[in-house]
Amino acid sequence: MGITDVVIITAVAVVFALCVRSIYISNRNGCSGCDSRSVCTSRLTGRCRAADDMVRRADKALGKVSRHE
């Protein structure tokens, strides 16, 4: 086994570990998508505050009346 094989196997292992870590973090009560440290509101209400805010700001920038308020 050459040095190239070791580097590739190590890189794949690191990426795999980061993917597993991301999945684990997203399954906790925190919201990994909006970086909320409190309980994720989308799990409780079915609506994500970060996504609603993003759509509202995009509508405002485009001059549309937002229906996400």
PDB file of N, CA and C in Angstrom:
ATOM      1  N   MET A   1       0.855  -1.169   0.000  1.00  0.00           N
ATOM      2  CA  MET A   1       0.000   0.000   0.000  1.00  0.00           C
ATOM      3  C   MET A   1       0.899   1.230   0.000  1.00  0.00           C
ATOM      4  N   GLY A   2       0.669   2.098  -0.956  1.00  0.00           N
ATOM      5  CA  GLY A   2       1.490   3.292  -1.094  1.00  0.00           C
ATOM      6  C   GLY A   2       0.967   4.458  -0.284  1.00  0.00           C
ATOM      7  N   ILE A   3       1.714   5.534  -0.298  1.00  0.00           N
ATOM      8  CA  ILE A   3       1.345   6.742   0.442  1.00  0.00           C
ATOM      9  C   ILE A   3       0.066   7.350  -0.106  1.00  0.00           C
ATOM     10  N   THR A   4      -0.151   7.247  -1.421  1.00  0.00           N
ATOM     11  CA  THR A   4      -1.362   7.779  -2.028  1.00  0.00           C
ATOM     12  C   THR A   4      -2.593   7.051  -1.499  1.00  0.00           C
ATOM     13  N   ASP A   5      -2.491   5.731  -1.362  1.00  0.00           N
ATOM     14  CA  ASP A   5      -3.609   4.957  -0.827  1.00  0.00           C
ATOM     15  C   ASP A   5      -3.928   5.365   0.604  1.00  0.00           C
ATOM     16  N   VAL A   6      -2.915   5.572   1.400  1.00  0.00           N
ATOM     17  CA  VAL A   6      -3.110   5.974   2.791  1.00  0.00           C
ATOM     18  C   VAL A   6      -3.778   7.343   2.867  1.00  0.00           C
ATOM     19  N   VAL A   7      -3.340   8.266   2.042  1.00  0.00           N
ATOM     20  CA  VAL A   7      -3.920   9.612   2.029  1.00  0.00           C
ATOM     21  C   VAL A   7      -5.390   9.554   1.607  1.00  0.00           C
ATOM     22  N   ILE A   8      -5.717   8.791   0.588  1.00  0.00           N
ATOM     23  CA  ILE A   8      -7.101   8.690   0.109  1.00  0.00           C
ATOM     24  C   ILE A   8      -7.990   8.031   1.160  1.00  0.00           C
ATOM     25  N   ILE A   9      -7.517   6.955   1.770  1.00  0.00           N
ATOM     26  CA  ILE A   9      -8.299   6.271   2.794  1.00  0.00           C
ATOM     27  C   ILE A   9      -8.507   7.183   4.006  1.00  0.00           C
ATOM     28  N   THR A  10      -7.500   7.932   4.384  1.00  0.00           N
ATOM     29  CA  THR A  10      -7.625   8.865   5.505  1.00  0.00           C
ATOM     30  C   THR A  10      -8.617   9.976   5.182  1.00  0.00           C
ATOM     31  N   ALA A  11      -8.565  10.517   3.977  1.00  0.00           N
ATOM     32  CA  ALA A  11      -9.494  11.569   3.576  1.00  0.00           C
ATOM     33  C   ALA A  11     -10.929  11.061   3.577  1.00  0.00           C
ATOM     34  N   VAL A  12     -11.147   9.857   3.069  1.00  0.00           N
ATOM     35  CA  VAL A  12     -12.494   9.278   3.059  1.00  0.00           C
ATOM     36  C   VAL A  12     -12.986   9.050   4.487  1.00  0.00           C
ATOM     37  N   ALA A  13     -12.120   8.581   5.362  1.00  0.00           N
ATOM     38  CA  ALA A  13     -12.500   8.349   6.755  1.00  0.00           C
ATOM     39  C   ALA A  13     -12.867   9.653   7.457  1.00  0.00           C
ATOM     40  N   VAL A  14     -12.125  10.719   7.188  1.00  0.00           N
ATOM     41  CA  VAL A  14     -12.413  12.019   7.796  1.00  0.00           C
ATOM     42  C   VAL A  14     -13.751  12.554   7.296  1.00  0.00           C
ATOM     43  N   VAL A  15     -14.007  12.478   6.012  1.00  0.00           N
ATOM     44  CA  VAL A  15     -15.281  12.944   5.451  1.00  0.00           C
ATOM     45  C   VAL A  15     -16.431  12.125   6.016  1.00  0.00           C
ATOM     46  N   PHE A  16     -16.259  10.820   6.133  1.00  0.00           N
ATOM     47  CA  PHE A  16     -17.292   9.967   6.707  1.00  0.00           C
ATOM     48  C   PHE A  16     -17.580  10.360   8.154  1.00  0.00           C
ATOM     49  N   ALA A  17     -16.539  10.602   8.936  1.00  0.00           N
ATOM     50  CA  ALA A  17     -16.716  11.002  10.334  1.00  0.00           C
ATOM     51  C   ALA A  17     -17.446  12.342  10.433  1.00  0.00           C
ATOM     52  N   LEU A  18     -17.125  13.277   9.562  1.00  0.00           N
ATOM     53  CA  LEU A  18     -17.813  14.568   9.566  1.00  0.00           C
ATOM     54  C   LEU A  18     -19.281  14.430   9.176  1.00  0.00           C
ATOM     55  N   CYS A  19     -19.580  13.541   8.250  1.00  0.00           N
ATOM     56  CA  CYS A  19     -20.973  13.298   7.860  1.00  0.00           C
ATOM     57  C   CYS A  19     -21.768  12.692   9.011  1.00  0.00           C
ATOM     58  N   VAL A  20     -21.192  11.722   9.687  1.00  0.00           N
ATOM     59  CA  VAL A  20     -21.862  11.100  10.836  1.00  0.00           C
ATOM     60  C   VAL A  20     -22.074  12.137  11.933  1.00  0.00           C
ATOM     61  N   ARG A  21     -21.079  12.973  12.175  1.00  0.00           N
ATOM     62  CA  ARG A  21     -21.212  14.029  13.179  1.00  0.00           C
ATOM     63  C   ARG A  21     -22.328  15.001  12.817  1.00  0.00           C
ATOM     64  N   SER A  22     -22.427  15.374  11.563  1.00  0.00           N
ATOM     65  CA  SER A  22     -23.475  16.287  11.117  1.00  0.00           C
ATOM     66  C   SER A  22     -24.859  15.679  11.304  1.00  0.00           C
ATOM     67  N   ILE A  23     -24.999  14.419  10.972  1.00  0.00           N
ATOM     68  CA  ILE A  23     -26.281  13.737  11.152  1.00  0.00           C
ATOM     69  C   ILE A  23     -26.635  13.671  12.627  1.00  0.00           C
ATOM     70  N   TYR A  24     -25.670  13.364  13.473  1.00  0.00           N
ATOM     71  CA  TYR A  24     -25.913  13.294  14.912  1.00  0.00           C
ATOM     72  C   TYR A  24     -26.346  14.651  15.458  1.00  0.00           C
ATOM     73  N   ILE A  25     -25.668  15.710  15.057  1.00  0.00           N
ATOM     74  CA  ILE A  25     -26.002  17.049  15.543  1.00  0.00           C
ATOM     75  C   ILE A  25     -27.385  17.473  15.062  1.00  0.00           C
ATOM     76  N   SER A  26     -27.749  17.151  13.839  1.00  0.00           N
ATOM     77  CA  SER A  26     -29.046  17.568  13.318  1.00  0.00           C
ATOM     78  C   SER A  26     -30.203  16.817  13.961  1.00  0.00           C
ATOM     79  N   ASN A  27     -29.948  15.667  14.566  1.00  0.00           N
ATOM     80  CA  ASN A  27     -31.011  14.903  15.212  1.00  0.00           C
ATOM     81  C   ASN A  27     -31.245  15.318  16.655  1.00  0.00           C
ATOM     82  N   ARG A  28     -30.426  16.190  17.192  1.00  0.00           N
ATOM     83  CA  ARG A  28     -30.659  16.691  18.545  1.00  0.00           C
ATOM     84  C   ARG A  28     -31.749  17.746  18.495  1.00  0.00           C
ATOM     85  N   ASN A  29     -32.086  18.339  19.634  1.00  0.00           N
ATOM     86  CA  ASN A  29     -33.155  19.333  19.693  1.00  0.00           C
ATOM     87  C   ASN A  29     -32.776  20.651  19.053  1.00  0.00           C
ATOM     88  N   GLY A  30     -31.505  20.896  18.812  1.00  0.00           N
ATOM     89  CA  GLY A  30     -31.087  22.132  18.177  1.00  0.00           C
ATOM     90  C   GLY A  30     -31.365  22.115  16.688  1.00  0.00           C
ATOM     91  N   CYS A  31     -31.437  23.271  16.113  1.00  0.00           N
ATOM     92  CA  CYS A  31     -31.704  23.391  14.684  1.00  0.00           C
ATOM     93  C   CYS A  31     -30.374  23.624  13.982  1.00  0.00           C
ATOM     94  N   SER A  32     -29.875  22.654  13.281  1.00  0.00           N
ATOM     95  CA  SER A  32     -28.559  22.792  12.673  1.00  0.00           C
ATOM     96  C   SER A  32     -28.572  23.718  11.468  1.00  0.00           C
ATOM     97  N   GLY A  33     -29.718  23.869  10.818  1.00  0.00           N
ATOM     98  CA  GLY A  33     -29.769  24.689   9.622  1.00  0.00           C
ATOM     99  C   GLY A  33     -29.703  26.170   9.887  1.00  0.00           C
ATOM    100  N   CYS A  34     -30.301  26.622  10.986  1.00  0.00           N
ATOM    101  CA  CYS A  34     -30.315  28.052  11.269  1.00  0.00           C
ATOM    102  C   CYS A  34     -29.411  28.405  12.437  1.00  0.00           C
ATOM    103  N   ASP A  35     -28.664  27.438  12.943  1.00  0.00           N
ATOM    104  CA  ASP A  35     -27.710  27.653  14.025  1.00  0.00           C
ATOM    105  C   ASP A  35     -28.383  28.146  15.293  1.00  0.00           C
ATOM    106  N   SER A  36     -29.607  27.701  15.529  1.00  0.00           N
ATOM    107  CA  SER A  36     -30.320  28.063  16.741  1.00  0.00           C
ATOM    108  C   SER A  36     -29.824  27.201  17.897  1.00  0.00           C
ATOM    109  N   ARG A  37     -29.500  27.790  19.003  1.00  0.00           N
ATOM    110  CA  ARG A  37     -29.035  27.039  20.165  1.00  0.00           C
ATOM    111  C   ARG A  37     -30.211  26.577  21.029  1.00  0.00           C
ATOM    112  N   SER A  38     -31.373  27.137  20.816  1.00  0.00           N
ATOM    113  CA  SER A  38     -32.549  26.735  21.587  1.00  0.00           C
ATOM    114  C   SER A  38     -33.277  25.611  20.851  1.00  0.00           C
ATOM    115  N   VAL A  39     -34.415  25.231  21.366  1.00  0.00           N
ATOM    116  CA  VAL A  39     -35.203  24.173  20.736  1.00  0.00           C
ATOM    117  C   VAL A  39     -35.663  24.642  19.368  1.00  0.00           C
ATOM    118  N   CYS A  40     -35.535  23.794  18.381  1.00  0.00           N
ATOM    119  CA  CYS A  40     -35.903  24.133  17.006  1.00  0.00           C
ATOM    120  C   CYS A  40     -37.416  24.317  16.907  1.00  0.00           C
ATOM    121  N   THR A  41     -37.862  25.478  16.463  1.00  0.00           N
ATOM    122  CA  THR A  41     -39.293  25.756  16.373  1.00  0.00           C
ATOM    123  C   THR A  41     -39.964  24.989  15.252  1.00  0.00           C
ATOM    124  N   SER A  42     -39.216  24.621  14.229  1.00  0.00           N
ATOM    125  CA  SER A  42     -39.849  23.913  13.115  1.00  0.00           C
ATOM    126  C   SER A  42     -40.305  22.527  13.526  1.00  0.00           C
ATOM    127  N   ARG A  43     -39.647  21.924  14.492  1.00  0.00           N
ATOM    128  CA  ARG A  43     -40.086  20.615  14.978  1.00  0.00           C
ATOM    129  C   ARG A  43     -41.390  20.731  15.751  1.00  0.00           C
ATOM    130  N   LEU A  44     -41.586  21.860  16.420  1.00  0.00           N
ATOM    131  CA  LEU A  44     -42.783  22.037  17.230  1.00  0.00           C
ATOM    132  C   LEU A  44     -43.958  22.602  16.436  1.00  0.00           C
ATOM    133  N   THR A  45     -43.680  23.551  15.549  1.00  0.00           N
ATOM    134  CA  THR A  45     -44.752  24.256  14.849  1.00  0.00           C
ATOM    135  C   THR A  45     -44.885  23.871  13.387  1.00  0.00           C
ATOM    136  N   GLY A  46     -43.884  23.235  12.838  1.00  0.00           N
ATOM    137  CA  GLY A  46     -43.912  22.896  11.422  1.00  0.00           C
ATOM    138  C   GLY A  46     -43.429  24.023  10.527  1.00  0.00           C
ATOM    139  N   ARG A  47     -42.976  25.131  11.120  1.00  0.00           N
ATOM    140  CA  ARG A  47     -42.466  26.275  10.356  1.00  0.00           C
ATOM    141  C   ARG A  47     -41.088  26.635  10.866  1.00  0.00           C
ATOM    142  N   CYS A  48     -40.183  26.907   9.959  1.00  0.00           N
ATOM    143  CA  CYS A  48     -38.818  27.272  10.323  1.00  0.00           C
ATOM    144  C   CYS A  48     -38.689  28.790  10.285  1.00  0.00           C
ATOM    145  N   ARG A  49     -38.284  29.374  11.425  1.00  0.00           N
ATOM    146  CA  ARG A  49     -38.145  30.835  11.489  1.00  0.00           C
ATOM    147  C   ARG A  49     -37.082  31.345  10.539  1.00  0.00           C
ATOM    148  N   ALA A  50     -35.998  30.618  10.392  1.00  0.00           N
ATOM    149  CA  ALA A  50     -34.920  31.062   9.514  1.00  0.00           C
ATOM    150  C   ALA A  50     -35.376  31.086   8.056  1.00  0.00           C
ATOM    151  N   ALA A  51     -36.109  30.064   7.638  1.00  0.00           N
ATOM    152  CA  ALA A  51     -36.608  30.016   6.263  1.00  0.00           C
ATOM    153  C   ALA A  51     -37.652  31.098   6.029  1.00  0.00           C
ATOM    154  N   ASP A  52     -38.554  31.312   6.992  1.00  0.00           N
ATOM    155  CA  ASP A  52     -39.559  32.370   6.858  1.00  0.00           C
ATOM    156  C   ASP A  52     -38.908  33.736   6.747  1.00  0.00           C
ATOM    157  N   ASP A  53     -37.858  33.972   7.551  1.00  0.00           N
ATOM    158  CA  ASP A  53     -37.151  35.246   7.506  1.00  0.00           C
ATOM    159  C   ASP A  53     -36.457  35.435   6.166  1.00  0.00           C
ATOM    160  N   MET A  54     -35.856  34.366   5.649  1.00  0.00           N
ATOM    161  CA  MET A  54     -35.166  34.437   4.365  1.00  0.00           C
ATOM    162  C   MET A  54     -36.150  34.773   3.240  1.00  0.00           C
ATOM    163  N   VAL A  55     -37.304  34.118   3.224  1.00  0.00           N
ATOM    164  CA  VAL A  55     -38.308  34.371   2.189  1.00  0.00           C
ATOM    165  C   VAL A  55     -38.872  35.778   2.320  1.00  0.00           C
ATOM    166  N   ARG A  56     -39.110  36.239   3.554  1.00  0.00           N
ATOM    167  CA  ARG A  56     -39.641  37.582   3.767  1.00  0.00           C
ATOM    168  C   ARG A  56     -38.664  38.637   3.252  1.00  0.00           C
ATOM    169  N   ARG A  57     -37.362  38.454   3.532  1.00  0.00           N
ATOM    170  CA  ARG A  57     -36.372  39.421   3.052  1.00  0.00           C
ATOM    171  C   ARG A  57     -36.219  39.378   1.534  1.00  0.00           C
ATOM    172  N   ALA A  58     -36.328  38.200   0.942  1.00  0.00           N
ATOM    173  CA  ALA A  58     -36.252  38.092  -0.521  1.00  0.00           C
ATOM    174  C   ALA A  58     -37.453  38.777  -1.169  1.00  0.00           C
ATOM    175  N   ASP A  59     -38.636  38.559  -0.601  1.00  0.00           N
ATOM    176  CA  ASP A  59     -39.834  39.220  -1.125  1.00  0.00           C
ATOM    177  C   ASP A  59     -39.713  40.733  -1.009  1.00  0.00           C
ATOM    178  N   LYS A  60     -39.167  41.208   0.113  1.00  0.00           N
ATOM    179  CA  LYS A  60     -38.998  42.653   0.307  1.00  0.00           C
ATOM    180  C   LYS A  60     -38.023  43.218  -0.722  1.00  0.00           C
ATOM    181  N   ALA A  61     -36.940  42.477  -0.984  1.00  0.00           N
ATOM    182  CA  ALA A  61     -35.948  42.933  -1.955  1.00  0.00           C
ATOM    183  C   ALA A  61     -36.518  42.969  -3.369  1.00  0.00           C
ATOM    184  N   LEU A  62     -37.456  42.071  -3.651  1.00  0.00           N
ATOM    185  CA  LEU A  62     -38.080  42.040  -4.961  1.00  0.00           C
ATOM    186  C   LEU A  62     -39.303  42.929  -5.078  1.00  0.00           C
ATOM    187  N   GLY A  63     -39.679  43.587  -3.952  1.00  0.00           N
ATOM    188  CA  GLY A  63     -40.819  44.498  -3.960  1.00  0.00           C
ATOM    189  C   GLY A  63     -42.155  43.780  -3.883  1.00  0.00           C
ATOM    190  N   LYS A  64     -42.179  42.563  -3.403  1.00  0.00           N
ATOM    191  CA  LYS A  64     -43.425  41.826  -3.274  1.00  0.00           C
ATOM    192  C   LYS A  64     -43.944  41.920  -1.853  1.00  0.00           C
ATOM    193  N   VAL A  65     -45.244  41.732  -1.697  1.00  0.00           N
ATOM    194  CA  VAL A  65     -45.833  41.665  -0.374  1.00  0.00           C
ATOM    195  C   VAL A  65     -45.616  40.258   0.137  1.00  0.00           C
ATOM    196  N   SER A  66     -45.020  40.167   1.316  1.00  0.00           N
ATOM    197  CA  SER A  66     -44.691  38.868   1.869  1.00  0.00           C
ATOM    198  C   SER A  66     -45.905  38.213   2.489  1.00  0.00           C
ATOM    199  N   ARG A  67     -46.080  36.928   2.201  1.00  0.00           N
ATOM    200  CA  ARG A  67     -47.171  36.169   2.805  1.00  0.00           C
ATOM    201  C   ARG A  67     -46.655  35.301   3.934  1.00  0.00           C
ATOM    202  N   HIS A  68     -45.393  35.490   4.316  1.00  0.00           N
ATOM    203  CA  HIS A  68     -44.757  34.653   5.341  1.00  0.00           C
ATOM    204  C   HIS A  68     -44.605  35.374   6.658  1.00  0.00           C
ATOM    205  N   GLU A  69     -45.449  36.308   6.961  1.00  0.00           N
ATOM    206  CA  GLU A  69     -45.333  37.055   8.227  1.00  0.00           C
ATOM    207  C   GLU A  69     -46.294  36.538   9.244  1.00  0.00           C
TER     208      GLU A  69
END
